[in-house]
Amino acid sequence: ELPAIKIAITGGGRVAKGAMEVMYGM
């Protein structure tokens, strides 16, 4: 349960896409 925060993810490769999977899942 996150407050209204802003998260910046750098990169466009496998690492960034993996991180984005978690963002979508949450």
mmCIF file of all heavy atoms, coordinates in Angstrom:
data_MODEL
# 
_entry.id   MODEL 
# 
loop_
_atom_site.group_PDB 
_atom_site.id 
_atom_site.type_symbol 
_atom_site.label_atom_id 
_atom_site.label_alt_id 
_atom_site.label_comp_id 
_atom_site.label_asym_id 
_atom_site.label_entity_id 
_atom_site.label_seq_id 
_atom_site.pdbx_PDB_ins_code 
_atom_site.Cartn_x 
_atom_site.Cartn_y 
_atom_site.Cartn_z 
_atom_site.occupancy 
_atom_site.B_iso_or_equiv 
_atom_site.pdbx_formal_charge 
_atom_site.auth_seq_id 
_atom_site.auth_comp_id 
_atom_site.auth_asym_id 
_atom_site.auth_atom_id 
_atom_site.pdbx_PDB_model_num 
ATOM 1   N N   . GLU A 1 1  ? 0.859  -1.183  0.000   1.00 0.00 ? 1  GLU A N   1 
ATOM 2   C CA  . GLU A 1 1  ? 0.000  0.000   0.000   1.00 0.00 ? 1  GLU A CA  1 
ATOM 3   C C   . GLU A 1 1  ? 0.898  1.237   0.000   1.00 0.00 ? 1  GLU A C   1 
ATOM 4   O O   . GLU A 1 1  ? 1.440  1.632   1.030   1.00 0.00 ? 1  GLU A O   1 
ATOM 5   C CB  . GLU A 1 1  ? -0.931 -0.003  1.218   1.00 0.00 ? 1  GLU A CB  1 
ATOM 6   C CG  . GLU A 1 1  ? -1.915 -1.169  1.229   1.00 0.00 ? 1  GLU A CG  1 
ATOM 7   C CD  . GLU A 1 1  ? -2.873 -1.107  2.407   1.00 0.00 ? 1  GLU A CD  1 
ATOM 8   O OE1 . GLU A 1 1  ? -2.808 -0.112  3.158   1.00 0.00 ? 1  GLU A OE1 1 
ATOM 9   O OE2 . GLU A 1 1  ? -3.651 -2.049  2.578   1.00 0.00 ? 1  GLU A OE2 1 
ATOM 10  N N   . LEU A 1 2  ? 1.039  1.832   -1.170  1.00 0.00 ? 2  LEU A N   1 
ATOM 11  C CA  . LEU A 1 2  ? 1.923  2.973   -1.340  1.00 0.00 ? 2  LEU A CA  1 
ATOM 12  C C   . LEU A 1 2  ? 1.140  4.279   -1.344  1.00 0.00 ? 2  LEU A C   1 
ATOM 13  O O   . LEU A 1 2  ? 0.024  4.326   -1.852  1.00 0.00 ? 2  LEU A O   1 
ATOM 14  C CB  . LEU A 1 2  ? 2.691  2.859   -2.660  1.00 0.00 ? 2  LEU A CB  1 
ATOM 15  C CG  . LEU A 1 2  ? 3.721  1.731   -2.780  1.00 0.00 ? 2  LEU A CG  1 
ATOM 16  C CD1 . LEU A 1 2  ? 4.187  1.604   -4.218  1.00 0.00 ? 2  LEU A CD1 1 
ATOM 17  C CD2 . LEU A 1 2  ? 4.922  1.994   -1.867  1.00 0.00 ? 2  LEU A CD2 1 
ATOM 18  N N   . PRO A 1 3  ? 1.715  5.332   -0.808  1.00 0.00 ? 3  PRO A N   1 
ATOM 19  C CA  . PRO A 1 3  ? 1.108  6.656   -0.956  1.00 0.00 ? 3  PRO A CA  1 
ATOM 20  C C   . PRO A 1 3  ? 1.310  7.156   -2.388  1.00 0.00 ? 3  PRO A C   1 
ATOM 21  O O   . PRO A 1 3  ? 1.853  6.430   -3.230  1.00 0.00 ? 3  PRO A O   1 
ATOM 22  C CB  . PRO A 1 3  ? 1.886  7.511   0.052   1.00 0.00 ? 3  PRO A CB  1 
ATOM 23  C CG  . PRO A 1 3  ? 3.216  6.833   0.159   1.00 0.00 ? 3  PRO A CG  1 
ATOM 24  C CD  . PRO A 1 3  ? 2.951  5.363   -0.009  1.00 0.00 ? 3  PRO A CD  1 
ATOM 25  N N   . ALA A 1 4  ? 0.925  8.356   -2.665  1.00 0.00 ? 4  ALA A N   1 
ATOM 26  C CA  . ALA A 1 4  ? 1.007  8.916   -4.018  1.00 0.00 ? 4  ALA A CA  1 
ATOM 27  C C   . ALA A 1 4  ? 2.438  9.361   -4.315  1.00 0.00 ? 4  ALA A C   1 
ATOM 28  O O   . ALA A 1 4  ? 2.729  10.566  -4.423  1.00 0.00 ? 4  ALA A O   1 
ATOM 29  C CB  . ALA A 1 4  ? 0.031  10.071  -4.176  1.00 0.00 ? 4  ALA A CB  1 
ATOM 30  N N   . ILE A 1 5  ? 3.327  8.395   -4.449  1.00 0.00 ? 5  ILE A N   1 
ATOM 31  C CA  . ILE A 1 5  ? 4.730  8.698   -4.727  1.00 0.00 ? 5  ILE A CA  1 
ATOM 32  C C   . ILE A 1 5  ? 5.005  8.587   -6.219  1.00 0.00 ? 5  ILE A C   1 
ATOM 33  O O   . ILE A 1 5  ? 4.219  8.032   -6.989  1.00 0.00 ? 5  ILE A O   1 
ATOM 34  C CB  . ILE A 1 5  ? 5.669  7.750   -3.954  1.00 0.00 ? 5  ILE A CB  1 
ATOM 35  C CG1 . ILE A 1 5  ? 5.427  6.288   -4.365  1.00 0.00 ? 5  ILE A CG1 1 
ATOM 36  C CG2 . ILE A 1 5  ? 5.508  7.942   -2.455  1.00 0.00 ? 5  ILE A CG2 1 
ATOM 37  C CD1 . ILE A 1 5  ? 6.452  5.311   -3.804  1.00 0.00 ? 5  ILE A CD1 1 
ATOM 38  N N   . LYS A 1 6  ? 6.174  9.120   -6.610  1.00 0.00 ? 6  LYS A N   1 
ATOM 39  C CA  . LYS A 1 6  ? 6.630  9.031   -7.988  1.00 0.00 ? 6  LYS A CA  1 
ATOM 40  C C   . LYS A 1 6  ? 7.924  8.214   -8.037  1.00 0.00 ? 6  LYS A C   1 
ATOM 41  O O   . LYS A 1 6  ? 8.857  8.476   -7.286  1.00 0.00 ? 6  LYS A O   1 
ATOM 42  C CB  . LYS A 1 6  ? 6.874  10.419  -8.568  1.00 0.00 ? 6  LYS A CB  1 
ATOM 43  C CG  . LYS A 1 6  ? 5.599  11.224  -8.825  1.00 0.00 ? 6  LYS A CG  1 
ATOM 44  C CD  . LYS A 1 6  ? 5.915  12.563  -9.485  1.00 0.00 ? 6  LYS A CD  1 
ATOM 45  C CE  . LYS A 1 6  ? 4.634  13.294  -9.879  1.00 0.00 ? 6  LYS A CE  1 
ATOM 46  N NZ  . LYS A 1 6  ? 4.932  14.589  -10.554 1.00 0.00 ? 6  LYS A NZ  1 
ATOM 47  N N   . ILE A 1 7  ? 7.951  7.234   -8.943  1.00 0.00 ? 7  ILE A N   1 
ATOM 48  C CA  . ILE A 1 7  ? 9.085  6.320   -9.077  1.00 0.00 ? 7  ILE A CA  1 
ATOM 49  C C   . ILE A 1 7  ? 9.659  6.472   -10.477 1.00 0.00 ? 7  ILE A C   1 
ATOM 50  O O   . ILE A 1 7  ? 8.938  6.336   -11.473 1.00 0.00 ? 7  ILE A O   1 
ATOM 51  C CB  . ILE A 1 7  ? 8.653  4.860   -8.848  1.00 0.00 ? 7  ILE A CB  1 
ATOM 52  C CG1 . ILE A 1 7  ? 7.985  4.694   -7.482  1.00 0.00 ? 7  ILE A CG1 1 
ATOM 53  C CG2 . ILE A 1 7  ? 9.837  3.912   -9.003  1.00 0.00 ? 7  ILE A CG2 1 
ATOM 54  C CD1 . ILE A 1 7  ? 7.301  3.353   -7.289  1.00 0.00 ? 7  ILE A CD1 1 
ATOM 55  N N   . ALA A 1 8  ? 10.942 6.750   -10.572 1.00 0.00 ? 8  ALA A N   1 
ATOM 56  C CA  . ALA A 1 8  ? 11.620 6.856   -11.868 1.00 0.00 ? 8  ALA A CA  1 
ATOM 57  C C   . ALA A 1 8  ? 12.447 5.602   -12.107 1.00 0.00 ? 8  ALA A C   1 
ATOM 58  O O   . ALA A 1 8  ? 13.226 5.191   -11.246 1.00 0.00 ? 8  ALA A O   1 
ATOM 59  C CB  . ALA A 1 8  ? 12.517 8.088   -11.903 1.00 0.00 ? 8  ALA A CB  1 
ATOM 60  N N   . ILE A 1 9  ? 12.277 4.995   -13.281 1.00 0.00 ? 9  ILE A N   1 
ATOM 61  C CA  . ILE A 1 9  ? 13.046 3.809   -13.669 1.00 0.00 ? 9  ILE A CA  1 
ATOM 62  C C   . ILE A 1 9  ? 13.889 4.175   -14.879 1.00 0.00 ? 9  ILE A C   1 
ATOM 63  O O   . ILE A 1 9  ? 13.359 4.624   -15.898 1.00 0.00 ? 9  ILE A O   1 
ATOM 64  C CB  . ILE A 1 9  ? 12.129 2.626   -14.027 1.00 0.00 ? 9  ILE A CB  1 
ATOM 65  C CG1 . ILE A 1 9  ? 11.277 2.220   -12.825 1.00 0.00 ? 9  ILE A CG1 1 
ATOM 66  C CG2 . ILE A 1 9  ? 12.943 1.438   -14.528 1.00 0.00 ? 9  ILE A CG2 1 
ATOM 67  C CD1 . ILE A 1 9  ? 10.260 1.125   -13.138 1.00 0.00 ? 9  ILE A CD1 1 
ATOM 68  N N   . THR A 1 10 ? 15.216 4.018   -14.780 1.00 0.00 ? 10 THR A N   1 
ATOM 69  C CA  . THR A 1 10 ? 16.072 4.298   -15.925 1.00 0.00 ? 10 THR A CA  1 
ATOM 70  C C   . THR A 1 10 ? 16.372 3.017   -16.689 1.00 0.00 ? 10 THR A C   1 
ATOM 71  O O   . THR A 1 10 ? 16.491 1.945   -16.105 1.00 0.00 ? 10 THR A O   1 
ATOM 72  C CB  . THR A 1 10 ? 17.404 4.938   -15.490 1.00 0.00 ? 10 THR A CB  1 
ATOM 73  O OG1 . THR A 1 10 ? 18.123 4.028   -14.646 1.00 0.00 ? 10 THR A OG1 1 
ATOM 74  C CG2 . THR A 1 10 ? 17.160 6.250   -14.751 1.00 0.00 ? 10 THR A CG2 1 
ATOM 75  N N   . GLY A 1 11 ? 16.503 3.155   -18.004 1.00 0.00 ? 11 GLY A N   1 
ATOM 76  C CA  . GLY A 1 11 ? 16.843 2.017   -18.851 1.00 0.00 ? 11 GLY A CA  1 
ATOM 77  C C   . GLY A 1 11 ? 15.696 1.577   -19.723 1.00 0.00 ? 11 GLY A C   1 
ATOM 78  O O   . GLY A 1 11 ? 14.528 1.883   -19.453 1.00 0.00 ? 11 GLY A O   1 
ATOM 79  N N   . GLY A 1 12 ? 16.035 0.839   -20.769 1.00 0.00 ? 12 GLY A N   1 
ATOM 80  C CA  . GLY A 1 12 ? 15.019 0.346   -21.683 1.00 0.00 ? 12 GLY A CA  1 
ATOM 81  C C   . GLY A 1 12 ? 15.195 -1.114  -22.035 1.00 0.00 ? 12 GLY A C   1 
ATOM 82  O O   . GLY A 1 12 ? 14.482 -1.640  -22.889 1.00 0.00 ? 12 GLY A O   1 
ATOM 83  N N   . GLY A 1 13 ? 16.135 -1.787  -21.380 1.00 0.00 ? 13 GLY A N   1 
ATOM 84  C CA  . GLY A 1 13 ? 16.429 -3.173  -21.699 1.00 0.00 ? 13 GLY A CA  1 
ATOM 85  C C   . GLY A 1 13 ? 15.752 -4.158  -20.770 1.00 0.00 ? 13 GLY A C   1 
ATOM 86  O O   . GLY A 1 13 ? 14.709 -3.879  -20.171 1.00 0.00 ? 13 GLY A O   1 
ATOM 87  N N   . ARG A 1 14 ? 16.358 -5.320  -20.624 1.00 0.00 ? 14 ARG A N   1 
ATOM 88  C CA  . ARG A 1 14 ? 15.772 -6.405  -19.838 1.00 0.00 ? 14 ARG A CA  1 
ATOM 89  C C   . ARG A 1 14 ? 15.566 -6.001  -18.380 1.00 0.00 ? 14 ARG A C   1 
ATOM 90  O O   . ARG A 1 14 ? 14.564 -6.353  -17.767 1.00 0.00 ? 14 ARG A O   1 
ATOM 91  C CB  . ARG A 1 14 ? 16.674 -7.639  -19.879 1.00 0.00 ? 14 ARG A CB  1 
ATOM 92  C CG  . ARG A 1 14 ? 16.921 -8.228  -21.256 1.00 0.00 ? 14 ARG A CG  1 
ATOM 93  C CD  . ARG A 1 14 ? 17.885 -9.395  -21.111 1.00 0.00 ? 14 ARG A CD  1 
ATOM 94  N NE  . ARG A 1 14 ? 18.425 -9.830  -22.396 1.00 0.00 ? 14 ARG A NE  1 
ATOM 95  C CZ  . ARG A 1 14 ? 18.455 -11.097 -22.790 1.00 0.00 ? 14 ARG A CZ  1 
ATOM 96  N NH1 . ARG A 1 14 ? 17.949 -12.027 -22.016 1.00 0.00 ? 14 ARG A NH1 1 
ATOM 97  N NH2 . ARG A 1 14 ? 18.982 -11.430 -23.947 1.00 0.00 ? 14 ARG A NH2 1 
ATOM 98  N N   . VAL A 1 15 ? 16.542 -5.288  -17.823 1.00 0.00 ? 15 VAL A N   1 
ATOM 99  C CA  . VAL A 1 15 ? 16.450 -4.905  -16.409 1.00 0.00 ? 15 VAL A CA  1 
ATOM 100 C C   . VAL A 1 15 ? 15.252 -3.997  -16.184 1.00 0.00 ? 15 VAL A C   1 
ATOM 101 O O   . VAL A 1 15 ? 14.429 -4.227  -15.287 1.00 0.00 ? 15 VAL A O   1 
ATOM 102 C CB  . VAL A 1 15 ? 17.744 -4.217  -15.946 1.00 0.00 ? 15 VAL A CB  1 
ATOM 103 C CG1 . VAL A 1 15 ? 17.580 -3.671  -14.529 1.00 0.00 ? 15 VAL A CG1 1 
ATOM 104 C CG2 . VAL A 1 15 ? 18.921 -5.185  -15.998 1.00 0.00 ? 15 VAL A CG2 1 
ATOM 105 N N   . ALA A 1 16 ? 15.140 -2.954  -16.996 1.00 0.00 ? 16 ALA A N   1 
ATOM 106 C CA  . ALA A 1 16 ? 14.029 -2.011  -16.845 1.00 0.00 ? 16 ALA A CA  1 
ATOM 107 C C   . ALA A 1 16 ? 12.691 -2.699  -17.078 1.00 0.00 ? 16 ALA A C   1 
ATOM 108 O O   . ALA A 1 16 ? 11.711 -2.447  -16.358 1.00 0.00 ? 16 ALA A O   1 
ATOM 109 C CB  . ALA A 1 16 ? 14.194 -0.838  -17.807 1.00 0.00 ? 16 ALA A CB  1 
ATOM 110 N N   . LYS A 1 17 ? 12.631 -3.574  -18.064 1.00 0.00 ? 17 LYS A N   1 
ATOM 111 C CA  . LYS A 1 17 ? 11.375 -4.278  -18.343 1.00 0.00 ? 17 LYS A CA  1 
ATOM 112 C C   . LYS A 1 17 ? 10.998 -5.207  -17.189 1.00 0.00 ? 17 LYS A C   1 
ATOM 113 O O   . LYS A 1 17 ? 9.817  -5.360  -16.867 1.00 0.00 ? 17 LYS A O   1 
ATOM 114 C CB  . LYS A 1 17 ? 11.489 -5.046  -19.656 1.00 0.00 ? 17 LYS A CB  1 
ATOM 115 C CG  . LYS A 1 17 ? 11.553 -4.127  -20.878 1.00 0.00 ? 17 LYS A CG  1 
ATOM 116 C CD  . LYS A 1 17 ? 11.816 -4.891  -22.158 1.00 0.00 ? 17 LYS A CD  1 
ATOM 117 C CE  . LYS A 1 17 ? 11.910 -3.933  -23.342 1.00 0.00 ? 17 LYS A CE  1 
ATOM 118 N NZ  . LYS A 1 17 ? 12.289 -4.617  -24.604 1.00 0.00 ? 17 LYS A NZ  1 
ATOM 119 N N   . GLY A 1 18 ? 12.005 -5.829  -16.575 1.00 0.00 ? 18 GLY A N   1 
ATOM 120 C CA  . GLY A 1 18 ? 11.733 -6.649  -15.397 1.00 0.00 ? 18 GLY A CA  1 
ATOM 121 C C   . GLY A 1 18 ? 11.195 -5.811  -14.253 1.00 0.00 ? 18 GLY A C   1 
ATOM 122 O O   . GLY A 1 18 ? 10.247 -6.213  -13.564 1.00 0.00 ? 18 GLY A O   1 
ATOM 123 N N   . ALA A 1 19 ? 11.784 -4.630  -14.044 1.00 0.00 ? 19 ALA A N   1 
ATOM 124 C CA  . ALA A 1 19 ? 11.302 -3.737  -12.991 1.00 0.00 ? 19 ALA A CA  1 
ATOM 125 C C   . ALA A 1 19 ? 9.873  -3.293  -13.270 1.00 0.00 ? 19 ALA A C   1 
ATOM 126 O O   . ALA A 1 19 ? 9.040  -3.199  -12.354 1.00 0.00 ? 19 ALA A O   1 
ATOM 127 C CB  . ALA A 1 19 ? 12.224 -2.525  -12.884 1.00 0.00 ? 19 ALA A CB  1 
ATOM 128 N N   . MET A 1 20 ? 9.564  -3.047  -14.534 1.00 0.00 ? 20 MET A N   1 
ATOM 129 C CA  . MET A 1 20 ? 8.220  -2.607  -14.899 1.00 0.00 ? 20 MET A CA  1 
ATOM 130 C C   . MET A 1 20 ? 7.193  -3.704  -14.667 1.00 0.00 ? 20 MET A C   1 
ATOM 131 O O   . MET A 1 20 ? 6.035  -3.426  -14.359 1.00 0.00 ? 20 MET A O   1 
ATOM 132 C CB  . MET A 1 20 ? 8.215  -2.127  -16.347 1.00 0.00 ? 20 MET A CB  1 
ATOM 133 C CG  . MET A 1 20 ? 8.991  -0.816  -16.545 1.00 0.00 ? 20 MET A CG  1 
ATOM 134 S SD  . MET A 1 20 ? 9.396  -0.448  -18.272 1.00 0.00 ? 20 MET A SD  1 
ATOM 135 C CE  . MET A 1 20 ? 7.760  -0.171  -18.951 1.00 0.00 ? 20 MET A CE  1 
ATOM 136 N N   . GLU A 1 21 ? 7.604  -4.969  -14.787 1.00 0.00 ? 21 GLU A N   1 
ATOM 137 C CA  . GLU A 1 21 ? 6.694  -6.078  -14.480 1.00 0.00 ? 21 GLU A CA  1 
ATOM 138 C C   . GLU A 1 21 ? 6.178  -5.962  -13.048 1.00 0.00 ? 21 GLU A C   1 
ATOM 139 O O   . GLU A 1 21 ? 5.000  -6.223  -12.767 1.00 0.00 ? 21 GLU A O   1 
ATOM 140 C CB  . GLU A 1 21 ? 7.404  -7.424  -14.647 1.00 0.00 ? 21 GLU A CB  1 
ATOM 141 C CG  . GLU A 1 21 ? 7.571  -7.905  -16.071 1.00 0.00 ? 21 GLU A CG  1 
ATOM 142 C CD  . GLU A 1 21 ? 8.146  -9.318  -16.105 1.00 0.00 ? 21 GLU A CD  1 
ATOM 143 O OE1 . GLU A 1 21 ? 7.620  -10.188 -15.379 1.00 0.00 ? 21 GLU A OE1 1 
ATOM 144 O OE2 . GLU A 1 21 ? 9.126  -9.536  -16.840 1.00 0.00 ? 21 GLU A OE2 1 
ATOM 145 N N   . VAL A 1 22 ? 7.074  -5.586  -12.143 1.00 0.00 ? 22 VAL A N   1 
ATOM 146 C CA  . VAL A 1 22 ? 6.689  -5.444  -10.741 1.00 0.00 ? 22 VAL A CA  1 
ATOM 147 C C   . VAL A 1 22 ? 5.755  -4.250  -10.569 1.00 0.00 ? 22 VAL A C   1 
ATOM 148 O O   . VAL A 1 22 ? 4.759  -4.312  -9.838  1.00 0.00 ? 22 VAL A O   1 
ATOM 149 C CB  . VAL A 1 22 ? 7.937  -5.301  -9.850  1.00 0.00 ? 22 VAL A CB  1 
ATOM 150 C CG1 . VAL A 1 22 ? 7.546  -5.020  -8.405  1.00 0.00 ? 22 VAL A CG1 1 
ATOM 151 C CG2 . VAL A 1 22 ? 8.785  -6.567  -9.928  1.00 0.00 ? 22 VAL A CG2 1 
ATOM 152 N N   . MET A 1 23 ? 6.051  -3.153  -11.247 1.00 0.00 ? 23 MET A N   1 
ATOM 153 C CA  . MET A 1 23 ? 5.185  -1.973  -11.165 1.00 0.00 ? 23 MET A CA  1 
ATOM 154 C C   . MET A 1 23 ? 3.768  -2.321  -11.623 1.00 0.00 ? 23 MET A C   1 
ATOM 155 O O   . MET A 1 23 ? 2.782  -1.984  -10.955 1.00 0.00 ? 23 MET A O   1 
ATOM 156 C CB  . MET A 1 23 ? 5.746  -0.842  -12.030 1.00 0.00 ? 23 MET A CB  1 
ATOM 157 C CG  . MET A 1 23 ? 7.146  -0.351  -11.667 1.00 0.00 ? 23 MET A CG  1 
ATOM 158 S SD  . MET A 1 23 ? 7.279  0.453   -10.060 1.00 0.00 ? 23 MET A SD  1 
ATOM 159 C CE  . MET A 1 23 ? 8.096  -0.846  -9.125  1.00 0.00 ? 23 MET A CE  1 
ATOM 160 N N   . TYR A 1 24 ? 3.674  -2.987  -12.750 1.00 0.00 ? 24 TYR A N   1 
ATOM 161 C CA  . TYR A 1 24 ? 2.349  -3.387  -13.253 1.00 0.00 ? 24 TYR A CA  1 
ATOM 162 C C   . TYR A 1 24 ? 1.659  -4.331  -12.275 1.00 0.00 ? 24 TYR A C   1 
ATOM 163 O O   . TYR A 1 24 ? 0.455  -4.210  -11.998 1.00 0.00 ? 24 TYR A O   1 
ATOM 164 C CB  . TYR A 1 24 ? 2.479  -4.084  -14.610 1.00 0.00 ? 24 TYR A CB  1 
ATOM 165 C CG  . TYR A 1 24 ? 3.025  -3.228  -15.724 1.00 0.00 ? 24 TYR A CG  1 
ATOM 166 C CD1 . TYR A 1 24 ? 3.905  -3.759  -16.665 1.00 0.00 ? 24 TYR A CD1 1 
ATOM 167 C CD2 . TYR A 1 24 ? 2.688  -1.880  -15.845 1.00 0.00 ? 24 TYR A CD2 1 
ATOM 168 C CE1 . TYR A 1 24 ? 4.425  -2.987  -17.695 1.00 0.00 ? 24 TYR A CE1 1 
ATOM 169 C CE2 . TYR A 1 24 ? 3.208  -1.095  -16.877 1.00 0.00 ? 24 TYR A CE2 1 
ATOM 170 C CZ  . TYR A 1 24 ? 4.075  -1.660  -17.795 1.00 0.00 ? 24 TYR A CZ  1 
ATOM 171 O OH  . TYR A 1 24 ? 4.587  -0.892  -18.807 1.00 0.00 ? 24 TYR A OH  1 
ATOM 172 N N   . GLY A 1 25 ? 2.422  -5.286  -11.736 1.00 0.00 ? 25 GLY A N   1 
ATOM 173 C CA  . GLY A 1 25 ? 1.846  -6.263  -10.819 1.00 0.00 ? 25 GLY A CA  1 
ATOM 174 C C   . GLY A 1 25 ? 1.326  -5.635  -9.542  1.00 0.00 ? 25 GLY A C   1 
ATOM 175 O O   . GLY A 1 25 ? 0.376  -6.148  -8.937  1.00 0.00 ? 25 GLY A O   1 
ATOM 176 N N   . MET A 1 26 ? 1.938  -4.522  -9.131  1.00 0.00 ? 26 MET A N   1 
ATOM 177 C CA  . MET A 1 26 ? 1.499  -3.812  -7.923  1.00 0.00 ? 26 MET A CA  1 
ATOM 178 C C   . MET A 1 26 ? 0.496  -2.705  -8.243  1.00 0.00 ? 26 MET A C   1 
ATOM 179 O O   . MET A 1 26 ? 0.162  -1.900  -7.373  1.00 0.00 ? 26 MET A O   1 
ATOM 180 C CB  . MET A 1 26 ? 2.707  -3.236  -7.184  1.00 0.00 ? 26 MET A CB  1 
ATOM 181 C CG  . MET A 1 26 ? 3.622  -4.298  -6.613  1.00 0.00 ? 26 MET A CG  1 
ATOM 182 S SD  . MET A 1 26 ? 5.039  -3.564  -5.725  1.00 0.00 ? 26 MET A SD  1 
ATOM 183 C CE  . MET A 1 26 ? 5.846  -5.043  -5.104  1.00 0.00 ? 26 MET A CE  1 
# 
